[in-house]
mmCIF file of all heavy atoms, coordinates in Angstrom:
data_MODEL
# 
_entry.id   MODEL 
# 
loop_
_atom_site.group_PDB 
_atom_site.id 
_atom_site.type_symbol 
_atom_site.label_atom_id 
_atom_site.label_alt_id 
_atom_site.label_comp_id 
_atom_site.label_asym_id 
_atom_site.label_entity_id 
_atom_site.label_seq_id 
_atom_site.pdbx_PDB_ins_code 
_atom_site.Cartn_x 
_atom_site.Cartn_y 
_atom_site.Cartn_z 
_atom_site.occupancy 
_atom_site.B_iso_or_equiv 
_atom_site.pdbx_formal_charge 
_atom_site.auth_seq_id 
_atom_site.auth_comp_id 
_atom_site.auth_asym_id 
_atom_site.auth_atom_id 
_atom_site.pdbx_PDB_model_num 
ATOM 1   N N   . GLY A 1 1  ? 11.909 1.076  25.604  1.00 0.00 ? 1  GLY A N   1 
ATOM 2   C CA  . GLY A 1 1  ? 12.310 2.329  25.011  1.00 0.00 ? 1  GLY A CA  1 
ATOM 3   C C   . GLY A 1 1  ? 12.032 2.458  23.538  1.00 0.00 ? 1  GLY A C   1 
ATOM 4   O O   . GLY A 1 1  ? 12.351 3.515  22.943  1.00 0.00 ? 1  GLY A O   1 
ATOM 5   N N   . LEU A 1 2  ? 11.434 1.443  22.884  1.00 0.00 ? 2  LEU A N   1 
ATOM 6   C CA  . LEU A 1 2  ? 11.137 1.531  21.467  1.00 0.00 ? 2  LEU A CA  1 
ATOM 7   C C   . LEU A 1 2  ? 9.649  1.820  21.266  1.00 0.00 ? 2  LEU A C   1 
ATOM 8   O O   . LEU A 1 2  ? 8.803  1.418  22.054  1.00 0.00 ? 2  LEU A O   1 
ATOM 9   C CB  . LEU A 1 2  ? 11.498 0.216  20.754  1.00 0.00 ? 2  LEU A CB  1 
ATOM 10  C CG  . LEU A 1 2  ? 12.946 -0.264 20.811  1.00 0.00 ? 2  LEU A CG  1 
ATOM 11  C CD1 . LEU A 1 2  ? 13.134 -1.469 19.912  1.00 0.00 ? 2  LEU A CD1 1 
ATOM 12  C CD2 . LEU A 1 2  ? 13.906 0.849  20.421  1.00 0.00 ? 2  LEU A CD2 1 
ATOM 13  N N   . SER A 1 3  ? 9.374  2.516  20.154  1.00 0.00 ? 3  SER A N   1 
ATOM 14  C CA  . SER A 1 3  ? 8.001  2.860  19.823  1.00 0.00 ? 3  SER A CA  1 
ATOM 15  C C   . SER A 1 3  ? 7.884  2.987  18.304  1.00 0.00 ? 3  SER A C   1 
ATOM 16  O O   . SER A 1 3  ? 8.095  4.076  17.748  1.00 0.00 ? 3  SER A O   1 
ATOM 17  C CB  . SER A 1 3  ? 7.593  4.150  20.502  1.00 0.00 ? 3  SER A CB  1 
ATOM 18  O OG  . SER A 1 3  ? 6.231  4.471  20.210  1.00 0.00 ? 3  SER A OG  1 
ATOM 19  N N   . PRO A 1 4  ? 7.604  1.886  17.599  1.00 0.00 ? 4  PRO A N   1 
ATOM 20  C CA  . PRO A 1 4  ? 7.566  1.970  16.127  1.00 0.00 ? 4  PRO A CA  1 
ATOM 21  C C   . PRO A 1 4  ? 6.459  2.867  15.603  1.00 0.00 ? 4  PRO A C   1 
ATOM 22  O O   . PRO A 1 4  ? 5.345  2.851  16.134  1.00 0.00 ? 4  PRO A O   1 
ATOM 23  C CB  . PRO A 1 4  ? 7.319  0.505  15.729  1.00 0.00 ? 4  PRO A CB  1 
ATOM 24  C CG  . PRO A 1 4  ? 6.759  -0.161 16.924  1.00 0.00 ? 4  PRO A CG  1 
ATOM 25  C CD  . PRO A 1 4  ? 7.318  0.550  18.116  1.00 0.00 ? 4  PRO A CD  1 
ATOM 26  N N   . ASN A 1 5  ? 6.811  3.648  14.610  1.00 0.00 ? 5  ASN A N   1 
ATOM 27  C CA  . ASN A 1 5  ? 5.884  4.615  14.022  1.00 0.00 ? 5  ASN A CA  1 
ATOM 28  C C   . ASN A 1 5  ? 6.157  4.677  12.526  1.00 0.00 ? 5  ASN A C   1 
ATOM 29  O O   . ASN A 1 5  ? 7.244  5.118  12.103  1.00 0.00 ? 5  ASN A O   1 
ATOM 30  C CB  . ASN A 1 5  ? 6.092  5.998  14.668  1.00 0.00 ? 5  ASN A CB  1 
ATOM 31  C CG  . ASN A 1 5  ? 5.105  7.047  14.151  1.00 0.00 ? 5  ASN A CG  1 
ATOM 32  O OD1 . ASN A 1 5  ? 4.525  6.900  13.082  1.00 0.00 ? 5  ASN A OD1 1 
ATOM 33  N ND2 . ASN A 1 5  ? 4.924  8.104  14.931  1.00 0.00 ? 5  ASN A ND2 1 
ATOM 34  N N   . ALA A 1 6  ? 5.230  4.233  11.716  1.00 0.00 ? 6  ALA A N   1 
ATOM 35  C CA  . ALA A 1 6  ? 5.447  4.139  10.269  1.00 0.00 ? 6  ALA A CA  1 
ATOM 36  C C   . ALA A 1 6  ? 5.809  5.489  9.648   1.00 0.00 ? 6  ALA A C   1 
ATOM 37  O O   . ALA A 1 6  ? 6.568  5.547  8.695   1.00 0.00 ? 6  ALA A O   1 
ATOM 38  C CB  . ALA A 1 6  ? 4.222  3.567  9.561   1.00 0.00 ? 6  ALA A CB  1 
ATOM 39  N N   . SER A 1 7  ? 5.301  6.578  10.206  1.00 0.00 ? 7  SER A N   1 
ATOM 40  C CA  . SER A 1 7  ? 5.542  7.892  9.600   1.00 0.00 ? 7  SER A CA  1 
ATOM 41  C C   . SER A 1 7  ? 7.004  8.312  9.683   1.00 0.00 ? 7  SER A C   1 
ATOM 42  O O   . SER A 1 7  ? 7.469  9.132  8.874   1.00 0.00 ? 7  SER A O   1 
ATOM 43  C CB  . SER A 1 7  ? 4.658  8.955  10.247  1.00 0.00 ? 7  SER A CB  1 
ATOM 44  O OG  . SER A 1 7  ? 5.004  9.121  11.618  1.00 0.00 ? 7  SER A OG  1 
ATOM 45  N N   . ILE A 1 8  ? 7.757  7.788  10.655  1.00 0.00 ? 8  ILE A N   1 
ATOM 46  C CA  . ILE A 1 8  ? 9.176  8.161  10.787  1.00 0.00 ? 8  ILE A CA  1 
ATOM 47  C C   . ILE A 1 8  ? 10.128 6.980  10.699  1.00 0.00 ? 8  ILE A C   1 
ATOM 48  O O   . ILE A 1 8  ? 11.347 7.176  10.625  1.00 0.00 ? 8  ILE A O   1 
ATOM 49  C CB  . ILE A 1 8  ? 9.422  8.904  12.117  1.00 0.00 ? 8  ILE A CB  1 
ATOM 50  C CG1 . ILE A 1 8  ? 8.966  8.075  13.308  1.00 0.00 ? 8  ILE A CG1 1 
ATOM 51  C CG2 . ILE A 1 8  ? 8.752  10.278 12.097  1.00 0.00 ? 8  ILE A CG2 1 
ATOM 52  C CD1 . ILE A 1 8  ? 9.260  8.724  14.650  1.00 0.00 ? 8  ILE A CD1 1 
ATOM 53  N N   . HIS A 1 9  ? 9.607  5.744  10.674  1.00 0.00 ? 9  HIS A N   1 
ATOM 54  C CA  . HIS A 1 9  ? 10.466 4.574  10.673  1.00 0.00 ? 9  HIS A CA  1 
ATOM 55  C C   . HIS A 1 9  ? 10.320 3.711  9.419   1.00 0.00 ? 9  HIS A C   1 
ATOM 56  O O   . HIS A 1 9  ? 11.093 2.771  9.245   1.00 0.00 ? 9  HIS A O   1 
ATOM 57  C CB  . HIS A 1 9  ? 10.190 3.700  11.917  1.00 0.00 ? 9  HIS A CB  1 
ATOM 58  C CG  . HIS A 1 9  ? 10.459 4.402  13.223  1.00 0.00 ? 9  HIS A CG  1 
ATOM 59  N ND1 . HIS A 1 9  ? 9.670  4.272  14.325  1.00 0.00 ? 9  HIS A ND1 1 
ATOM 60  C CD2 . HIS A 1 9  ? 11.453 5.253  13.561  1.00 0.00 ? 9  HIS A CD2 1 
ATOM 61  C CE1 . HIS A 1 9  ? 10.158 4.998  15.325  1.00 0.00 ? 9  HIS A CE1 1 
ATOM 62  N NE2 . HIS A 1 9  ? 11.236 5.603  14.872  1.00 0.00 ? 9  HIS A NE2 1 
ATOM 63  N N   . GLN A 1 10 ? 9.381  3.994  8.580   1.00 0.00 ? 10 GLN A N   1 
ATOM 64  C CA  . GLN A 1 10 ? 9.111  3.140  7.428   1.00 0.00 ? 10 GLN A CA  1 
ATOM 65  C C   . GLN A 1 10 ? 10.069 3.422  6.268   1.00 0.00 ? 10 GLN A C   1 
ATOM 66  O O   . GLN A 1 10 ? 10.493 4.568  6.050   1.00 0.00 ? 10 GLN A O   1 
ATOM 67  C CB  . GLN A 1 10 ? 7.687  3.352  6.933   1.00 0.00 ? 10 GLN A CB  1 
ATOM 68  C CG  . GLN A 1 10 ? 7.229  2.384  5.860   1.00 0.00 ? 10 GLN A CG  1 
ATOM 69  C CD  . GLN A 1 10 ? 5.719  2.359  5.736   1.00 0.00 ? 10 GLN A CD  1 
ATOM 70  O OE1 . GLN A 1 10 ? 5.055  1.529  6.347   1.00 0.00 ? 10 GLN A OE1 1 
ATOM 71  N NE2 . GLN A 1 10 ? 5.192  3.280  4.957   1.00 0.00 ? 10 GLN A NE2 1 
ATOM 72  N N   . PHE A 1 11 ? 10.428 2.381  5.531   1.00 0.00 ? 11 PHE A N   1 
ATOM 73  C CA  . PHE A 1 11 ? 11.244 2.488  4.331   1.00 0.00 ? 11 PHE A CA  1 
ATOM 74  C C   . PHE A 1 11 ? 10.312 2.885  3.204   1.00 0.00 ? 11 PHE A C   1 
ATOM 75  O O   . PHE A 1 11 ? 9.439  2.113  2.821   1.00 0.00 ? 11 PHE A O   1 
ATOM 76  C CB  . PHE A 1 11 ? 11.919 1.128  4.080   1.00 0.00 ? 11 PHE A CB  1 
ATOM 77  C CG  . PHE A 1 11 ? 12.940 1.155  2.942   1.00 0.00 ? 11 PHE A CG  1 
ATOM 78  C CD1 . PHE A 1 11 ? 14.272 0.873  3.210   1.00 0.00 ? 11 PHE A CD1 1 
ATOM 79  C CD2 . PHE A 1 11 ? 12.575 1.417  1.636   1.00 0.00 ? 11 PHE A CD2 1 
ATOM 80  C CE1 . PHE A 1 11 ? 15.222 0.865  2.187   1.00 0.00 ? 11 PHE A CE1 1 
ATOM 81  C CE2 . PHE A 1 11 ? 13.504 1.427  0.613   1.00 0.00 ? 11 PHE A CE2 1 
ATOM 82  C CZ  . PHE A 1 11 ? 14.823 1.158  0.883   1.00 0.00 ? 11 PHE A CZ  1 
ATOM 83  N N   . ASN A 1 12 ? 10.516 4.080  2.633   1.00 0.00 ? 12 ASN A N   1 
ATOM 84  C CA  . ASN A 1 12 ? 9.643  4.584  1.576   1.00 0.00 ? 12 ASN A CA  1 
ATOM 85  C C   . ASN A 1 12 ? 10.461 4.924  0.330   1.00 0.00 ? 12 ASN A C   1 
ATOM 86  O O   . ASN A 1 12 ? 11.586 5.448  0.429   1.00 0.00 ? 12 ASN A O   1 
ATOM 87  C CB  . ASN A 1 12 ? 8.926  5.868  2.016   1.00 0.00 ? 12 ASN A CB  1 
ATOM 88  C CG  . ASN A 1 12 ? 7.992  5.656  3.182   1.00 0.00 ? 12 ASN A CG  1 
ATOM 89  O OD1 . ASN A 1 12 ? 7.300  4.653  3.247   1.00 0.00 ? 12 ASN A OD1 1 
ATOM 90  N ND2 . ASN A 1 12 ? 7.990  6.598  4.108   1.00 0.00 ? 12 ASN A ND2 1 
ATOM 91  N N   . MET A 1 13 ? 9.867  4.645  -0.835  1.00 0.00 ? 13 MET A N   1 
ATOM 92  C CA  . MET A 1 13 ? 10.431 5.120  -2.088  1.00 0.00 ? 13 MET A CA  1 
ATOM 93  C C   . MET A 1 13 ? 9.274  5.534  -2.975  1.00 0.00 ? 13 MET A C   1 
ATOM 94  O O   . MET A 1 13 ? 8.401  4.726  -3.299  1.00 0.00 ? 13 MET A O   1 
ATOM 95  C CB  . MET A 1 13 ? 11.271 4.073  -2.794  1.00 0.00 ? 13 MET A CB  1 
ATOM 96  C CG  . MET A 1 13 ? 11.913 4.573  -4.080  1.00 0.00 ? 13 MET A CG  1 
ATOM 97  S SD  . MET A 1 13 ? 12.954 3.356  -4.904  1.00 0.00 ? 13 MET A SD  1 
ATOM 98  C CE  . MET A 1 13 ? 14.287 3.184  -3.745  1.00 0.00 ? 13 MET A CE  1 
ATOM 99  N N   . ASP A 1 14 ? 9.249  6.817  -3.367  1.00 0.00 ? 14 ASP A N   1 
ATOM 100 C CA  . ASP A 1 14 ? 8.227  7.323  -4.277  1.00 0.00 ? 14 ASP A CA  1 
ATOM 101 C C   . ASP A 1 14 ? 8.803  7.396  -5.682  1.00 0.00 ? 14 ASP A C   1 
ATOM 102 O O   . ASP A 1 14 ? 9.855  8.018  -5.913  1.00 0.00 ? 14 ASP A O   1 
ATOM 103 C CB  . ASP A 1 14 ? 7.771  8.718  -3.831  1.00 0.00 ? 14 ASP A CB  1 
ATOM 104 C CG  . ASP A 1 14 ? 7.156  8.713  -2.441  1.00 0.00 ? 14 ASP A CG  1 
ATOM 105 O OD1 . ASP A 1 14 ? 6.725  7.625  -1.993  1.00 0.00 ? 14 ASP A OD1 1 
ATOM 106 O OD2 . ASP A 1 14 ? 7.108  9.785  -1.811  1.00 0.00 ? 14 ASP A OD2 1 
ATOM 107 N N   . LEU A 1 15 ? 8.092  6.735  -6.621  1.00 0.00 ? 15 LEU A N   1 
ATOM 108 C CA  . LEU A 1 15 ? 8.656  6.531  -7.937  1.00 0.00 ? 15 LEU A CA  1 
ATOM 109 C C   . LEU A 1 15 ? 7.626  6.963  -8.987  1.00 0.00 ? 15 LEU A C   1 
ATOM 110 O O   . LEU A 1 15 ? 6.436  6.650  -8.857  1.00 0.00 ? 15 LEU A O   1 
ATOM 111 C CB  . LEU A 1 15 ? 8.960  5.047  -8.122  1.00 0.00 ? 15 LEU A CB  1 
ATOM 112 C CG  . LEU A 1 15 ? 9.778  4.596  -9.314  1.00 0.00 ? 15 LEU A CG  1 
ATOM 113 C CD1 . LEU A 1 15 ? 11.186 4.178  -8.847  1.00 0.00 ? 15 LEU A CD1 1 
ATOM 114 C CD2 . LEU A 1 15 ? 9.127  3.395  -9.964  1.00 0.00 ? 15 LEU A CD2 1 
ATOM 115 N N   . ILE A 1 16 ? 8.076  7.703  -10.014 1.00 0.00 ? 16 ILE A N   1 
ATOM 116 C CA  . ILE A 1 16 ? 7.202  8.032  -11.125 1.00 0.00 ? 16 ILE A CA  1 
ATOM 117 C C   . ILE A 1 16 ? 7.043  6.773  -11.981 1.00 0.00 ? 16 ILE A C   1 
ATOM 118 O O   . ILE A 1 16 ? 8.001  6.308  -12.589 1.00 0.00 ? 16 ILE A O   1 
ATOM 119 C CB  . ILE A 1 16 ? 7.774  9.175  -11.980 1.00 0.00 ? 16 ILE A CB  1 
ATOM 120 C CG1 . ILE A 1 16 ? 7.913  10.441 -11.128 1.00 0.00 ? 16 ILE A CG1 1 
ATOM 121 C CG2 . ILE A 1 16 ? 6.884  9.445  -13.192 1.00 0.00 ? 16 ILE A CG2 1 
ATOM 122 C CD1 . ILE A 1 16 ? 8.549  11.606 -11.856 1.00 0.00 ? 16 ILE A CD1 1 
ATOM 123 N N   . PRO A 1 17 ? 5.833  6.168  -12.017 1.00 0.00 ? 17 PRO A N   1 
ATOM 124 C CA  . PRO A 1 17 ? 5.710  4.855  -12.653 1.00 0.00 ? 17 PRO A CA  1 
ATOM 125 C C   . PRO A 1 17 ? 5.989  4.885  -14.162 1.00 0.00 ? 17 PRO A C   1 
ATOM 126 O O   . PRO A 1 17 ? 6.523  3.941  -14.708 1.00 0.00 ? 17 PRO A O   1 
ATOM 127 C CB  . PRO A 1 17 ? 4.266  4.459  -12.365 1.00 0.00 ? 17 PRO A CB  1 
ATOM 128 C CG  . PRO A 1 17 ? 3.535  5.737  -12.077 1.00 0.00 ? 17 PRO A CG  1 
ATOM 129 C CD  . PRO A 1 17 ? 4.581  6.635  -11.433 1.00 0.00 ? 17 PRO A CD  1 
ATOM 130 N N   . GLU A 1 18 ? 5.612  5.987  -14.827 1.00 0.00 ? 18 GLU A N   1 
ATOM 131 C CA  . GLU A 1 18 ? 5.815  6.074  -16.281 1.00 0.00 ? 18 GLU A CA  1 
ATOM 132 C C   . GLU A 1 18 ? 7.310  6.102  -16.631 1.00 0.00 ? 18 GLU A C   1 
ATOM 133 O O   . GLU A 1 18 ? 7.681  5.669  -17.723 1.00 0.00 ? 18 GLU A O   1 
ATOM 134 C CB  . GLU A 1 18 ? 5.148  7.327  -16.860 1.00 0.00 ? 18 GLU A CB  1 
ATOM 135 C CG  . GLU A 1 18 ? 3.637  7.360  -16.694 1.00 0.00 ? 18 GLU A CG  1 
ATOM 136 C CD  . GLU A 1 18 ? 3.214  8.107  -15.438 1.00 0.00 ? 18 GLU A CD  1 
ATOM 137 O OE1 . GLU A 1 18 ? 3.986  8.119  -14.474 1.00 0.00 ? 18 GLU A OE1 1 
ATOM 138 O OE2 . GLU A 1 18 ? 2.089  8.657  -15.431 1.00 0.00 ? 18 GLU A OE2 1 
ATOM 139 N N   . LEU A 1 19 ? 8.157  6.591  -15.722 1.00 0.00 ? 19 LEU A N   1 
ATOM 140 C CA  . LEU A 1 19 ? 9.571  6.763  -16.023 1.00 0.00 ? 19 LEU A CA  1 
ATOM 141 C C   . LEU A 1 19 ? 10.473 5.829  -15.245 1.00 0.00 ? 19 LEU A C   1 
ATOM 142 O O   . LEU A 1 19 ? 11.639 5.614  -15.618 1.00 0.00 ? 19 LEU A O   1 
ATOM 143 C CB  . LEU A 1 19 ? 9.998  8.210  -15.733 1.00 0.00 ? 19 LEU A CB  1 
ATOM 144 C CG  . LEU A 1 19 ? 9.253  9.308  -16.513 1.00 0.00 ? 19 LEU A CG  1 
ATOM 145 C CD1 . LEU A 1 19 ? 9.684  10.685 -15.993 1.00 0.00 ? 19 LEU A CD1 1 
ATOM 146 C CD2 . LEU A 1 19 ? 9.577  9.193  -17.988 1.00 0.00 ? 19 LEU A CD2 1 
ATOM 147 N N   . GLY A 1 20 ? 9.990  5.264  -14.122 1.00 0.00 ? 20 GLY A N   1 
ATOM 148 C CA  . GLY A 1 20 ? 10.844 4.439  -13.291 1.00 0.00 ? 20 GLY A CA  1 
ATOM 149 C C   . GLY A 1 20 ? 11.875 5.212  -12.527 1.00 0.00 ? 20 GLY A C   1 
ATOM 150 O O   . GLY A 1 20 ? 12.919 4.672  -12.123 1.00 0.00 ? 20 GLY A O   1 
ATOM 151 N N   . ILE A 1 21 ? 11.616 6.510  -12.284 1.00 0.00 ? 21 ILE A N   1 
ATOM 152 C CA  . ILE A 1 21 ? 12.571 7.388  -11.622 1.00 0.00 ? 21 ILE A CA  1 
ATOM 153 C C   . ILE A 1 21 ? 12.107 7.710  -10.212 1.00 0.00 ? 21 ILE A C   1 
ATOM 154 O O   . ILE A 1 21 ? 10.975 8.181  -10.014 1.00 0.00 ? 21 ILE A O   1 
ATOM 155 C CB  . ILE A 1 21 ? 12.756 8.694  -12.415 1.00 0.00 ? 21 ILE A CB  1 
ATOM 156 C CG1 . ILE A 1 21 ? 13.332 8.398  -13.792 1.00 0.00 ? 21 ILE A CG1 1 
ATOM 157 C CG2 . ILE A 1 21 ? 13.637 9.665  -11.649 1.00 0.00 ? 21 ILE A CG2 1 
ATOM 158 C CD1 . ILE A 1 21 ? 13.391 9.649  -14.681 1.00 0.00 ? 21 ILE A CD1 1 
ATOM 159 N N   . PRO A 1 22 ? 12.935 7.477  -9.163  1.00 0.00 ? 22 PRO A N   1 
ATOM 160 C CA  . PRO A 1 22 ? 12.559 7.860  -7.816  1.00 0.00 ? 22 PRO A CA  1 
ATOM 161 C C   . PRO A 1 22 ? 12.607 9.374  -7.654  1.00 0.00 ? 22 PRO A C   1 
ATOM 162 O O   . PRO A 1 22 ? 13.529 10.027 -8.120  1.00 0.00 ? 22 PRO A O   1 
ATOM 163 C CB  . PRO A 1 22 ? 13.606 7.191  -6.931  1.00 0.00 ? 22 PRO A CB  1 
ATOM 164 C CG  . PRO A 1 22 ? 14.391 6.271  -7.801  1.00 0.00 ? 22 PRO A CG  1 
ATOM 165 C CD  . PRO A 1 22 ? 14.235 6.786  -9.191  1.00 0.00 ? 22 PRO A CD  1 
ATOM 166 N N   . ILE A 1 23 ? 11.604 9.916  -6.979  1.00 0.00 ? 23 ILE A N   1 
ATOM 167 C CA  . ILE A 1 23 ? 11.616 11.352 -6.682  1.00 0.00 ? 23 ILE A CA  1 
ATOM 168 C C   . ILE A 1 23 ? 11.754 11.625 -5.203  1.00 0.00 ? 23 ILE A C   1 
ATOM 169 O O   . ILE A 1 23 ? 12.014 12.751 -4.780  1.00 0.00 ? 23 ILE A O   1 
ATOM 170 C CB  . ILE A 1 23 ? 10.356 12.048 -7.229  1.00 0.00 ? 23 ILE A CB  1 
ATOM 171 C CG1 . ILE A 1 23 ? 9.092  11.424 -6.643  1.00 0.00 ? 23 ILE A CG1 1 
ATOM 172 C CG2 . ILE A 1 23 ? 10.348 11.987 -8.763  1.00 0.00 ? 23 ILE A CG2 1 
ATOM 173 C CD1 . ILE A 1 23 ? 7.820  12.185 -6.990  1.00 0.00 ? 23 ILE A CD1 1 
ATOM 174 N N   . ASN A 1 24 ? 11.562 10.593 -4.379  1.00 0.00 ? 24 ASN A N   1 
ATOM 175 C CA  . ASN A 1 24 ? 11.729 10.744 -2.950  1.00 0.00 ? 24 ASN A CA  1 
ATOM 176 C C   . ASN A 1 24 ? 12.126 9.395  -2.366  1.00 0.00 ? 24 ASN A C   1 
ATOM 177 O O   . ASN A 1 24 ? 11.490 8.391  -2.642  1.00 0.00 ? 24 ASN A O   1 
ATOM 178 C CB  . ASN A 1 24 ? 10.417 11.223 -2.284  1.00 0.00 ? 24 ASN A CB  1 
ATOM 179 C CG  . ASN A 1 24 ? 10.573 11.365 -0.794  1.00 0.00 ? 24 ASN A CG  1 
ATOM 180 O OD1 . ASN A 1 24 ? 11.375 12.160 -0.318  1.00 0.00 ? 24 ASN A OD1 1 
ATOM 181 N ND2 . ASN A 1 24 ? 9.778  10.615 -0.048  1.00 0.00 ? 24 ASN A ND2 1 
ATOM 182 N N   . VAL A 1 25 ? 13.189 9.394  -1.564  1.00 0.00 ? 25 VAL A N   1 
ATOM 183 C CA  . VAL A 1 25 ? 13.678 8.149  -0.951  1.00 0.00 ? 25 VAL A CA  1 
ATOM 184 C C   . VAL A 1 25 ? 13.892 8.379  0.530   1.00 0.00 ? 25 VAL A C   1 
ATOM 185 O O   . VAL A 1 25 ? 14.506 9.369  0.923   1.00 0.00 ? 25 VAL A O   1 
ATOM 186 C CB  . VAL A 1 25 ? 14.987 7.676  -1.612  1.00 0.00 ? 25 VAL A CB  1 
ATOM 187 C CG1 . VAL A 1 25 ? 15.512 6.419  -0.908  1.00 0.00 ? 25 VAL A CG1 1 
ATOM 188 C CG2 . VAL A 1 25 ? 14.803 7.396  -3.091  1.00 0.00 ? 25 VAL A CG2 1 
ATOM 189 N N   . GLU A 1 26 ? 13.367 7.481  1.334   1.00 0.00 ? 26 GLU A N   1 
ATOM 190 C CA  . GLU A 1 26 ? 13.622 7.460  2.788   1.00 0.00 ? 26 GLU A CA  1 
ATOM 191 C C   . GLU A 1 26 ? 13.967 6.008  3.142   1.00 0.00 ? 26 GLU A C   1 
ATOM 192 O O   . GLU A 1 26 ? 13.106 5.218  3.534   1.00 0.00 ? 26 GLU A O   1 
ATOM 193 C CB  . GLU A 1 26 ? 12.384 7.934  3.547   1.00 0.00 ? 26 GLU A CB  1 
ATOM 194 C CG  . GLU A 1 26 ? 12.035 9.377  3.261   1.00 0.00 ? 26 GLU A CG  1 
ATOM 195 C CD  . GLU A 1 26 ? 10.645 9.744  3.721   1.00 0.00 ? 26 GLU A CD  1 
ATOM 196 O OE1 . GLU A 1 26 ? 9.728  8.879  3.638   1.00 0.00 ? 26 GLU A OE1 1 
ATOM 197 O OE2 . GLU A 1 26 ? 10.419 10.905 4.154   1.00 0.00 ? 26 GLU A OE2 1 
ATOM 198 N N   . ALA A 1 27 ? 15.244 5.663  2.944   1.00 0.00 ? 27 ALA A N   1 
ATOM 199 C CA  . ALA A 1 27 ? 15.710 4.279  3.148   1.00 0.00 ? 27 ALA A CA  1 
ATOM 200 C C   . ALA A 1 27 ? 16.167 4.152  4.596   1.00 0.00 ? 27 ALA A C   1 
ATOM 201 O O   . ALA A 1 27 ? 17.151 4.753  5.003   1.00 0.00 ? 27 ALA A O   1 
ATOM 202 C CB  . ALA A 1 27 ? 16.838 3.961  2.195   1.00 0.00 ? 27 ALA A CB  1 
ATOM 203 N N   . ARG A 1 28 ? 15.437 3.345  5.386   1.00 0.00 ? 28 ARG A N   1 
ATOM 204 C CA  . ARG A 1 28 ? 15.677 3.262  6.823   1.00 0.00 ? 28 ARG A CA  1 
ATOM 205 C C   . ARG A 1 28 ? 15.940 1.821  7.261   1.00 0.00 ? 28 ARG A C   1 
ATOM 206 O O   . ARG A 1 28 ? 15.210 0.923  6.870   1.00 0.00 ? 28 ARG A O   1 
ATOM 207 C CB  . ARG A 1 28 ? 14.469 3.819  7.582   1.00 0.00 ? 28 ARG A CB  1 
ATOM 208 C CG  . ARG A 1 28 ? 14.253 5.312  7.336   1.00 0.00 ? 28 ARG A CG  1 
ATOM 209 C CD  . ARG A 1 28 ? 12.846 5.752  7.674   1.00 0.00 ? 28 ARG A CD  1 
ATOM 210 N NE  . ARG A 1 28 ? 12.714 7.208  7.608   1.00 0.00 ? 28 ARG A NE  1 
ATOM 211 C CZ  . ARG A 1 28 ? 11.573 7.837  7.326   1.00 0.00 ? 28 ARG A CZ  1 
ATOM 212 N NH1 . ARG A 1 28 ? 10.470 7.128  7.085   1.00 0.00 ? 28 ARG A NH1 1 
ATOM 213 N NH2 . ARG A 1 28 ? 11.538 9.137  7.263   1.00 0.00 ? 28 ARG A NH2 1 
# 
């Protein structure tokens, strides 16, 4: 019953490198 899919199951954090500020977080 499992089906791993990076687009919906991956832990993502998008960060502005110049500032060190996250602008999008998907902690899974």
